[in-house]
Each structure stands twice: as C-alpha cells, then as structure tokens.
C-alpha cells in the first residue's frame, strides 16, 4: 500500500477542534479537501502530519499555534477614527469585515474594540494564538 510523501496530491476528511473541544471547521457533509502535500496550501502542522499515512488511515494530531496560524501580531491591528467608518457598517465586537487595501487586495478584519473616538480592526487570522487538534482521515492519494 502506498504511503503519502511530499509532493503527493491527497484527499482528506477532517474535523478541527479548539482546546475547549469546540469544532471550528470540518469537511463533514462536503467533498474531501484536496491539496498537494508540502506545497503550503494548508497549515504547516497538518502538512507535516500526512507523510507516511496510508489510504483509509485515521489519526488525531495536535498542532501548536506556531505550526498553525501563529501568534497574534500586535502590528496587525489598526485604529481607525470612528467618523471614517460608514454608518451602515456594523461595529459589534467580533464582526468580520473586509477592507480593500490601496493596492486593491481584499483583507479580512475583525472589529476588536469600539470607542466613541475610534474603531480597532484586527487583521490577524481568527485562529491566531490557538493550539488546534485535527481528526483526519486519508481518503485517497490521487
């Protein structure tokens, strides 16, 4: 039976959970996730867990935040004067918004703080700083 190696295209089913056991993502009810091992298409810790697995094999891997989405970067937050935020934009803490950079790129941000004077937007990945656990099943080596 073939084992996964760097450069193989694979299909996996997965369920990702946080330290408190809550599920943050899952392929349940969807097609398996397909990607090339070692290509940087998925988080490093999950990429490193696949070589050596066989089709049909299941395992659970714990991934430290450094091998997932990293530590939160304080430089990825920005305070915007409240008067510069259009009135129709929801400003509840935790609301996900999309900004457009001057270069035209779309950047997802989260409303982190709201005061009378400013709104603090956080461009860190929502899972930055989180240790993750993945239950994975190798469905196929393509």
N, C-alpha and C. Protein backbone atom coordinates (compact mmCIF):
# COMPACT_ATOMS: atom_id res chain seq x y z
N UNK A 1 0.85 -1.19 0.00
CA UNK A 1 0.00 0.00 0.00
C UNK A 1 0.89 1.24 0.00
N UNK A 2 0.54 2.21 -0.82
CA UNK A 2 1.36 3.42 -0.95
C UNK A 2 1.20 4.32 0.28
N UNK A 3 2.31 4.92 0.68
CA UNK A 3 2.30 5.89 1.77
C UNK A 3 2.41 7.29 1.19
N UNK A 4 1.80 8.24 1.86
CA UNK A 4 1.89 9.64 1.44
C UNK A 4 3.32 10.12 1.57
N UNK A 5 3.76 10.89 0.57
CA UNK A 5 5.07 11.53 0.62
C UNK A 5 4.93 12.97 0.11
N UNK A 6 5.94 13.77 0.39
CA UNK A 6 5.95 15.16 -0.09
C UNK A 6 5.68 15.19 -1.58
N UNK A 7 4.84 16.11 -2.02
CA UNK A 7 4.54 16.27 -3.44
C UNK A 7 3.32 15.49 -3.90
N UNK A 8 2.83 14.54 -3.08
CA UNK A 8 1.61 13.81 -3.45
C UNK A 8 0.39 14.71 -3.32
N UNK A 9 -0.56 14.50 -4.21
CA UNK A 9 -1.86 15.15 -4.07
C UNK A 9 -2.75 14.16 -3.31
N UNK A 10 -3.38 14.67 -2.25
CA UNK A 10 -4.19 13.81 -1.38
C UNK A 10 -5.58 14.40 -1.19
N UNK A 11 -6.47 13.55 -0.71
CA UNK A 11 -7.80 13.98 -0.29
C UNK A 11 -7.99 13.52 1.15
N UNK A 12 -8.39 14.45 2.01
CA UNK A 12 -8.62 14.10 3.42
C UNK A 12 -9.99 14.61 3.88
N UNK A 13 -10.56 13.88 4.82
CA UNK A 13 -11.66 14.40 5.61
C UNK A 13 -11.04 14.82 6.93
N UNK A 14 -11.59 15.87 7.53
CA UNK A 14 -11.00 16.38 8.77
C UNK A 14 -12.07 17.05 9.63
N UNK A 15 -11.78 17.10 10.92
CA UNK A 15 -12.53 17.92 11.86
C UNK A 15 -11.51 18.62 12.73
N UNK A 16 -11.57 19.94 12.76
CA UNK A 16 -10.65 20.74 13.56
C UNK A 16 -11.34 21.24 14.80
N UNK A 17 -10.69 21.04 15.96
CA UNK A 17 -11.26 21.50 17.23
C UNK A 17 -10.26 22.35 17.99
N UNK A 18 -10.81 23.17 18.89
CA UNK A 18 -10.01 24.01 19.76
C UNK A 18 -9.76 23.28 21.08
N UNK A 19 -8.96 23.89 21.94
CA UNK A 19 -8.62 23.28 23.23
C UNK A 19 -9.86 22.99 24.08
N UNK A 20 -10.92 23.79 23.92
CA UNK A 20 -12.14 23.56 24.71
C UNK A 20 -13.05 22.50 24.10
N UNK A 21 -12.60 21.90 22.98
CA UNK A 21 -13.37 20.84 22.33
C UNK A 21 -14.34 21.32 21.28
N UNK A 22 -14.51 22.63 21.13
CA UNK A 22 -15.44 23.14 20.12
C UNK A 22 -14.86 22.99 18.72
N UNK A 23 -15.72 22.66 17.76
CA UNK A 23 -15.31 22.46 16.37
C UNK A 23 -15.27 23.81 15.67
N UNK A 24 -14.14 24.12 14.99
CA UNK A 24 -14.05 25.37 14.23
C UNK A 24 -14.18 25.13 12.74
N UNK A 25 -13.95 23.90 12.28
CA UNK A 25 -14.09 23.59 10.85
C UNK A 25 -14.16 22.08 10.68
N UNK A 26 -14.85 21.66 9.63
CA UNK A 26 -14.97 20.24 9.34
C UNK A 26 -15.34 20.06 7.88
N UNK A 27 -14.90 18.94 7.31
CA UNK A 27 -15.29 18.61 5.94
C UNK A 27 -16.55 17.74 5.93
N UNK A 28 -17.11 17.49 7.10
CA UNK A 28 -18.31 16.64 7.18
C UNK A 28 -19.41 17.21 6.30
N UNK A 29 -19.99 16.33 5.48
CA UNK A 29 -21.06 16.75 4.58
C UNK A 29 -20.56 17.42 3.30
N UNK A 30 -19.24 17.48 3.14
CA UNK A 30 -18.65 18.09 1.94
C UNK A 30 -17.70 17.09 1.30
N UNK A 31 -17.23 17.43 0.11
CA UNK A 31 -16.20 16.63 -0.53
C UNK A 31 -14.93 16.71 0.31
N UNK A 32 -14.09 15.68 0.24
CA UNK A 32 -12.81 15.75 0.96
C UNK A 32 -11.98 16.94 0.45
N UNK A 33 -11.13 17.44 1.32
CA UNK A 33 -10.21 18.52 0.97
C UNK A 33 -9.08 17.91 0.15
N UNK A 34 -8.81 18.51 -1.02
CA UNK A 34 -7.73 18.03 -1.89
C UNK A 34 -6.63 19.07 -1.96
N UNK A 35 -5.39 18.62 -1.79
CA UNK A 35 -4.24 19.54 -1.84
C UNK A 35 -2.97 18.72 -2.07
N UNK A 36 -1.88 19.42 -2.35
CA UNK A 36 -0.59 18.78 -2.56
C UNK A 36 0.23 18.90 -1.28
N UNK A 37 0.67 17.78 -0.75
CA UNK A 37 1.44 17.73 0.49
C UNK A 37 2.76 18.48 0.32
N UNK A 38 3.04 19.37 1.26
CA UNK A 38 4.29 20.13 1.24
C UNK A 38 4.26 21.38 0.39
N UNK A 39 3.10 21.71 -0.19
CA UNK A 39 3.03 22.86 -1.10
C UNK A 39 2.67 24.16 -0.39
N UNK A 40 2.37 24.09 0.92
CA UNK A 40 1.98 25.30 1.65
C UNK A 40 0.52 25.66 1.49
N UNK A 41 -0.30 24.76 0.97
CA UNK A 41 -1.72 25.04 0.78
C UNK A 41 -2.51 24.92 2.08
N UNK A 42 -1.95 24.23 3.06
CA UNK A 42 -2.61 24.08 4.36
C UNK A 42 -1.62 24.48 5.45
N UNK A 43 -2.08 24.52 6.70
CA UNK A 43 -1.18 24.93 7.78
C UNK A 43 -0.03 23.93 7.93
N UNK A 44 1.16 24.41 8.32
CA UNK A 44 2.35 23.56 8.36
C UNK A 44 2.19 22.30 9.22
N UNK A 45 1.59 22.42 10.39
CA UNK A 45 1.47 21.27 11.28
C UNK A 45 0.65 20.14 10.69
N UNK A 46 -0.39 20.49 9.95
CA UNK A 46 -1.21 19.47 9.32
C UNK A 46 -0.47 18.86 8.13
N UNK A 47 0.23 19.70 7.39
CA UNK A 47 1.04 19.23 6.26
C UNK A 47 2.07 18.19 6.72
N UNK A 48 2.70 18.45 7.87
CA UNK A 48 3.75 17.56 8.39
C UNK A 48 3.19 16.25 8.92
N UNK A 49 1.90 16.21 9.23
CA UNK A 49 1.29 15.01 9.82
C UNK A 49 0.95 13.95 8.77
N UNK A 50 0.93 14.31 7.51
CA UNK A 50 0.44 13.39 6.47
C UNK A 50 1.45 12.40 5.91
N UNK A 51 2.73 12.78 5.69
CA UNK A 51 3.67 11.80 5.13
C UNK A 51 3.72 10.54 5.99
N UNK A 52 3.68 9.39 5.30
CA UNK A 52 3.71 8.10 5.99
C UNK A 52 2.33 7.50 6.21
N UNK A 53 1.27 8.30 6.02
CA UNK A 53 -0.08 7.75 6.18
C UNK A 53 -0.47 6.92 4.96
N UNK A 54 -1.35 5.95 5.17
CA UNK A 54 -1.88 5.11 4.10
C UNK A 54 -3.35 5.45 3.85
N UNK A 55 -3.83 5.18 2.64
CA UNK A 55 -5.24 5.41 2.33
C UNK A 55 -6.12 4.69 3.35
N UNK A 56 -7.14 5.39 3.81
CA UNK A 56 -8.08 4.83 4.78
C UNK A 56 -7.64 5.02 6.23
N UNK A 57 -6.38 5.41 6.44
CA UNK A 57 -5.87 5.59 7.81
C UNK A 57 -6.48 6.85 8.43
N UNK A 58 -6.73 6.75 9.74
CA UNK A 58 -7.24 7.89 10.51
C UNK A 58 -6.28 8.16 11.65
N UNK A 59 -6.13 9.43 11.99
CA UNK A 59 -5.36 9.77 13.18
C UNK A 59 -5.76 11.16 13.67
N UNK A 60 -5.39 11.42 14.90
CA UNK A 60 -5.64 12.73 15.50
C UNK A 60 -4.30 13.37 15.77
N UNK A 61 -4.15 14.64 15.36
CA UNK A 61 -2.90 15.36 15.56
C UNK A 61 -3.17 16.66 16.31
N UNK A 62 -2.29 16.95 17.25
CA UNK A 62 -2.36 18.22 17.98
C UNK A 62 -1.31 19.14 17.38
N UNK A 63 -1.74 20.36 17.07
CA UNK A 63 -0.87 21.30 16.38
C UNK A 63 -0.76 22.58 17.20
N UNK A 64 0.46 22.89 17.63
CA UNK A 64 0.71 24.12 18.38
C UNK A 64 0.47 25.32 17.47
N UNK A 65 0.09 26.44 18.07
CA UNK A 65 -0.25 27.62 17.27
C UNK A 65 0.88 28.04 16.33
N UNK A 66 2.13 27.80 16.73
CA UNK A 66 3.26 28.17 15.87
C UNK A 66 3.26 27.40 14.56
N UNK A 67 2.67 26.19 14.55
CA UNK A 67 2.58 25.37 13.34
C UNK A 67 1.20 25.47 12.69
N UNK A 68 0.37 26.40 13.22
CA UNK A 68 -0.98 26.60 12.67
C UNK A 68 -1.04 28.01 12.08
N UNK A 69 -1.67 28.93 12.81
CA UNK A 69 -1.81 30.31 12.30
C UNK A 69 -0.92 31.30 13.03
N UNK A 70 0.00 30.79 13.86
CA UNK A 70 0.96 31.64 14.54
C UNK A 70 0.37 32.39 15.72
N UNK A 71 1.25 33.13 16.37
CA UNK A 71 0.84 34.00 17.47
C UNK A 71 0.20 35.26 16.90
N UNK A 72 -0.72 35.87 17.65
CA UNK A 72 -1.27 37.15 17.17
C UNK A 72 -0.16 38.19 17.03
N UNK A 73 -0.21 38.96 15.96
CA UNK A 73 0.77 40.00 15.70
C UNK A 73 0.14 41.34 16.08
N UNK A 74 0.67 42.01 17.12
CA UNK A 74 0.10 43.29 17.52
C UNK A 74 0.12 44.34 16.41
N UNK A 75 1.05 44.20 15.47
CA UNK A 75 1.14 45.16 14.36
C UNK A 75 0.03 44.95 13.33
N UNK A 76 -0.74 43.87 13.48
CA UNK A 76 -1.83 43.60 12.53
C UNK A 76 -3.15 44.23 12.99
N UNK A 77 -3.09 45.09 14.00
CA UNK A 77 -4.28 45.83 14.42
C UNK A 77 -4.10 47.29 14.04
N UNK A 78 -5.22 47.93 13.76
CA UNK A 78 -5.16 49.33 13.37
C UNK A 78 -6.38 50.05 13.91
N UNK A 79 -6.13 51.21 14.51
CA UNK A 79 -7.22 52.06 14.99
C UNK A 79 -7.63 53.00 13.86
N UNK A 80 -8.93 53.07 13.62
CA UNK A 80 -9.48 53.93 12.58
C UNK A 80 -10.40 54.94 13.26
N UNK A 81 -10.25 56.24 12.94
CA UNK A 81 -11.18 57.21 13.54
C UNK A 81 -12.63 56.82 13.23
N UNK A 82 -13.47 56.86 14.23
CA UNK A 82 -14.84 56.39 14.08
C UNK A 82 -15.58 57.14 12.97
N UNK A 83 -15.29 58.41 12.79
CA UNK A 83 -16.00 59.18 11.76
C UNK A 83 -15.64 58.72 10.34
N UNK A 84 -14.56 57.94 10.18
CA UNK A 84 -14.18 57.42 8.87
C UNK A 84 -14.90 56.12 8.52
N UNK A 85 -15.63 55.56 9.49
CA UNK A 85 -16.34 54.30 9.25
C UNK A 85 -17.77 54.64 8.81
N UNK A 86 -18.18 54.18 7.63
CA UNK A 86 -19.55 54.47 7.17
C UNK A 86 -20.60 53.99 8.18
N UNK A 87 -21.69 54.73 8.27
CA UNK A 87 -22.73 54.44 9.27
C UNK A 87 -23.37 53.07 9.09
N UNK A 88 -23.39 52.55 7.87
CA UNK A 88 -24.06 51.27 7.62
C UNK A 88 -23.20 50.05 7.99
N UNK A 89 -21.97 50.27 8.45
CA UNK A 89 -21.07 49.17 8.80
C UNK A 89 -21.35 48.75 10.25
N UNK A 90 -21.65 47.46 10.47
CA UNK A 90 -21.90 47.01 11.85
C UNK A 90 -20.61 47.04 12.66
N UNK A 91 -20.68 47.55 13.88
CA UNK A 91 -19.48 47.71 14.69
C UNK A 91 -19.53 46.92 16.00
N UNK A 92 -20.20 45.77 16.00
CA UNK A 92 -20.18 44.93 17.18
C UNK A 92 -18.83 44.22 17.25
N UNK A 93 -18.29 44.09 18.44
CA UNK A 93 -17.02 43.39 18.62
C UNK A 93 -17.17 41.96 18.12
N UNK A 94 -16.20 41.52 17.32
CA UNK A 94 -16.23 40.18 16.74
C UNK A 94 -16.77 40.14 15.32
N UNK A 95 -17.37 41.25 14.86
CA UNK A 95 -17.90 41.29 13.50
C UNK A 95 -16.75 41.19 12.50
N UNK A 96 -16.90 40.31 11.50
CA UNK A 96 -15.90 40.16 10.44
C UNK A 96 -16.26 41.10 9.30
N UNK A 97 -15.27 41.86 8.86
CA UNK A 97 -15.44 42.81 7.75
C UNK A 97 -14.35 42.54 6.71
N UNK A 98 -14.52 43.13 5.54
CA UNK A 98 -13.49 43.06 4.52
C UNK A 98 -13.12 44.48 4.13
N UNK A 99 -11.83 44.76 4.16
CA UNK A 99 -11.30 46.05 3.72
C UNK A 99 -10.58 45.84 2.40
N UNK A 100 -10.47 46.93 1.67
CA UNK A 100 -9.68 46.88 0.44
C UNK A 100 -8.44 47.73 0.65
N UNK A 101 -7.27 47.15 0.40
CA UNK A 101 -6.02 47.87 0.56
C UNK A 101 -5.86 48.86 -0.59
N UNK A 102 -4.95 49.83 -0.45
CA UNK A 102 -4.71 50.76 -1.56
C UNK A 102 -4.28 50.05 -2.85
N UNK A 103 -3.72 48.82 -2.72
CA UNK A 103 -3.30 48.05 -3.89
C UNK A 103 -4.45 47.23 -4.47
N UNK A 104 -5.64 47.32 -3.86
CA UNK A 104 -6.81 46.63 -4.37
C UNK A 104 -7.04 45.23 -3.81
N UNK A 105 -6.18 44.80 -2.88
CA UNK A 105 -6.36 43.48 -2.28
C UNK A 105 -7.44 43.54 -1.20
N UNK A 106 -8.21 42.44 -1.09
CA UNK A 106 -9.22 42.34 -0.04
C UNK A 106 -8.56 41.76 1.20
N UNK A 107 -8.80 42.40 2.35
CA UNK A 107 -8.19 41.95 3.60
C UNK A 107 -9.30 41.75 4.64
N UNK A 108 -9.46 40.50 5.13
CA UNK A 108 -10.46 40.29 6.18
C UNK A 108 -9.95 40.84 7.51
N UNK A 109 -10.84 41.50 8.25
CA UNK A 109 -10.51 42.04 9.58
C UNK A 109 -11.67 41.74 10.52
N UNK A 110 -11.37 41.83 11.81
CA UNK A 110 -12.38 41.65 12.85
C UNK A 110 -12.45 42.92 13.68
N UNK A 111 -13.66 43.36 14.01
CA UNK A 111 -13.82 44.50 14.91
C UNK A 111 -13.38 44.04 16.30
N UNK A 112 -12.30 44.66 16.82
CA UNK A 112 -11.73 44.23 18.09
C UNK A 112 -12.12 45.14 19.25
N UNK A 113 -12.36 46.42 18.95
CA UNK A 113 -12.68 47.39 20.01
C UNK A 113 -13.41 48.56 19.37
N UNK A 114 -14.38 49.10 20.10
CA UNK A 114 -15.12 50.26 19.61
C UNK A 114 -15.23 51.26 20.76
N UNK A 115 -14.79 52.51 20.50
CA UNK A 115 -14.95 53.59 21.48
C UNK A 115 -15.66 54.75 20.78
N UNK A 116 -15.90 55.80 21.50
CA UNK A 116 -16.52 56.99 20.91
C UNK A 116 -15.65 57.57 19.80
N UNK A 117 -14.33 57.45 19.97
CA UNK A 117 -13.39 58.09 19.05
C UNK A 117 -12.88 57.18 17.93
N UNK A 118 -12.79 55.87 18.19
CA UNK A 118 -12.13 55.02 17.20
C UNK A 118 -12.70 53.61 17.18
N UNK A 119 -12.35 52.91 16.08
CA UNK A 119 -12.67 51.50 15.93
C UNK A 119 -11.34 50.80 15.69
N UNK A 120 -11.06 49.75 16.48
CA UNK A 120 -9.82 48.99 16.30
C UNK A 120 -10.15 47.74 15.49
N UNK A 121 -9.45 47.60 14.36
CA UNK A 121 -9.64 46.46 13.45
C UNK A 121 -8.43 45.54 13.56
N UNK A 122 -8.69 44.25 13.60
CA UNK A 122 -7.65 43.24 13.77
C UNK A 122 -7.58 42.37 12.52
N UNK A 123 -6.41 42.38 11.85
CA UNK A 123 -6.23 41.59 10.63
C UNK A 123 -5.58 40.23 10.90
N UNK A 124 -5.34 39.88 12.17
CA UNK A 124 -4.83 38.55 12.48
C UNK A 124 -5.86 37.51 12.08
N UNK A 125 -5.38 36.30 11.73
CA UNK A 125 -6.30 35.20 11.45
C UNK A 125 -7.11 34.95 12.73
N UNK A 126 -8.40 34.65 12.62
CA UNK A 126 -9.21 34.41 13.82
C UNK A 126 -8.68 33.30 14.73
N UNK A 127 -7.88 32.38 14.18
CA UNK A 127 -7.34 31.29 14.99
C UNK A 127 -5.89 31.53 15.42
N UNK A 128 -5.36 32.73 15.18
CA UNK A 128 -4.00 33.05 15.64
C UNK A 128 -3.95 32.89 17.16
N UNK A 129 -2.88 32.27 17.64
CA UNK A 129 -2.71 32.05 19.07
C UNK A 129 -3.38 30.80 19.61
N UNK A 130 -4.10 30.08 18.76
CA UNK A 130 -4.82 28.88 19.19
C UNK A 130 -4.04 27.62 18.85
N UNK A 131 -3.96 26.70 19.82
CA UNK A 131 -3.49 25.35 19.54
C UNK A 131 -4.68 24.59 18.98
N UNK A 132 -4.45 23.79 17.93
CA UNK A 132 -5.54 23.12 17.23
C UNK A 132 -5.37 21.61 17.27
N UNK A 133 -6.49 20.91 17.22
CA UNK A 133 -6.49 19.46 17.11
C UNK A 133 -7.27 19.08 15.86
N UNK A 134 -6.70 18.19 15.05
CA UNK A 134 -7.38 17.73 13.85
C UNK A 134 -7.52 16.22 13.90
N UNK A 135 -8.75 15.75 13.69
CA UNK A 135 -9.01 14.34 13.43
C UNK A 135 -9.03 14.24 11.92
N UNK A 136 -8.12 13.47 11.36
CA UNK A 136 -8.02 13.38 9.90
C UNK A 136 -8.18 11.94 9.42
N UNK A 137 -8.71 11.82 8.22
CA UNK A 137 -8.80 10.52 7.55
C UNK A 137 -8.25 10.72 6.15
N UNK A 138 -7.25 9.92 5.79
CA UNK A 138 -6.70 9.99 4.43
C UNK A 138 -7.63 9.19 3.52
N UNK A 139 -8.39 9.90 2.71
CA UNK A 139 -9.36 9.27 1.83
C UNK A 139 -8.66 8.69 0.60
N UNK A 140 -7.74 9.46 0.01
CA UNK A 140 -7.09 8.99 -1.22
C UNK A 140 -5.77 9.70 -1.46
N UNK A 141 -4.86 8.97 -2.08
CA UNK A 141 -3.67 9.56 -2.68
C UNK A 141 -3.99 9.57 -4.17
N UNK A 142 -4.07 10.76 -4.74
CA UNK A 142 -4.57 10.90 -6.12
C UNK A 142 -3.48 10.54 -7.12
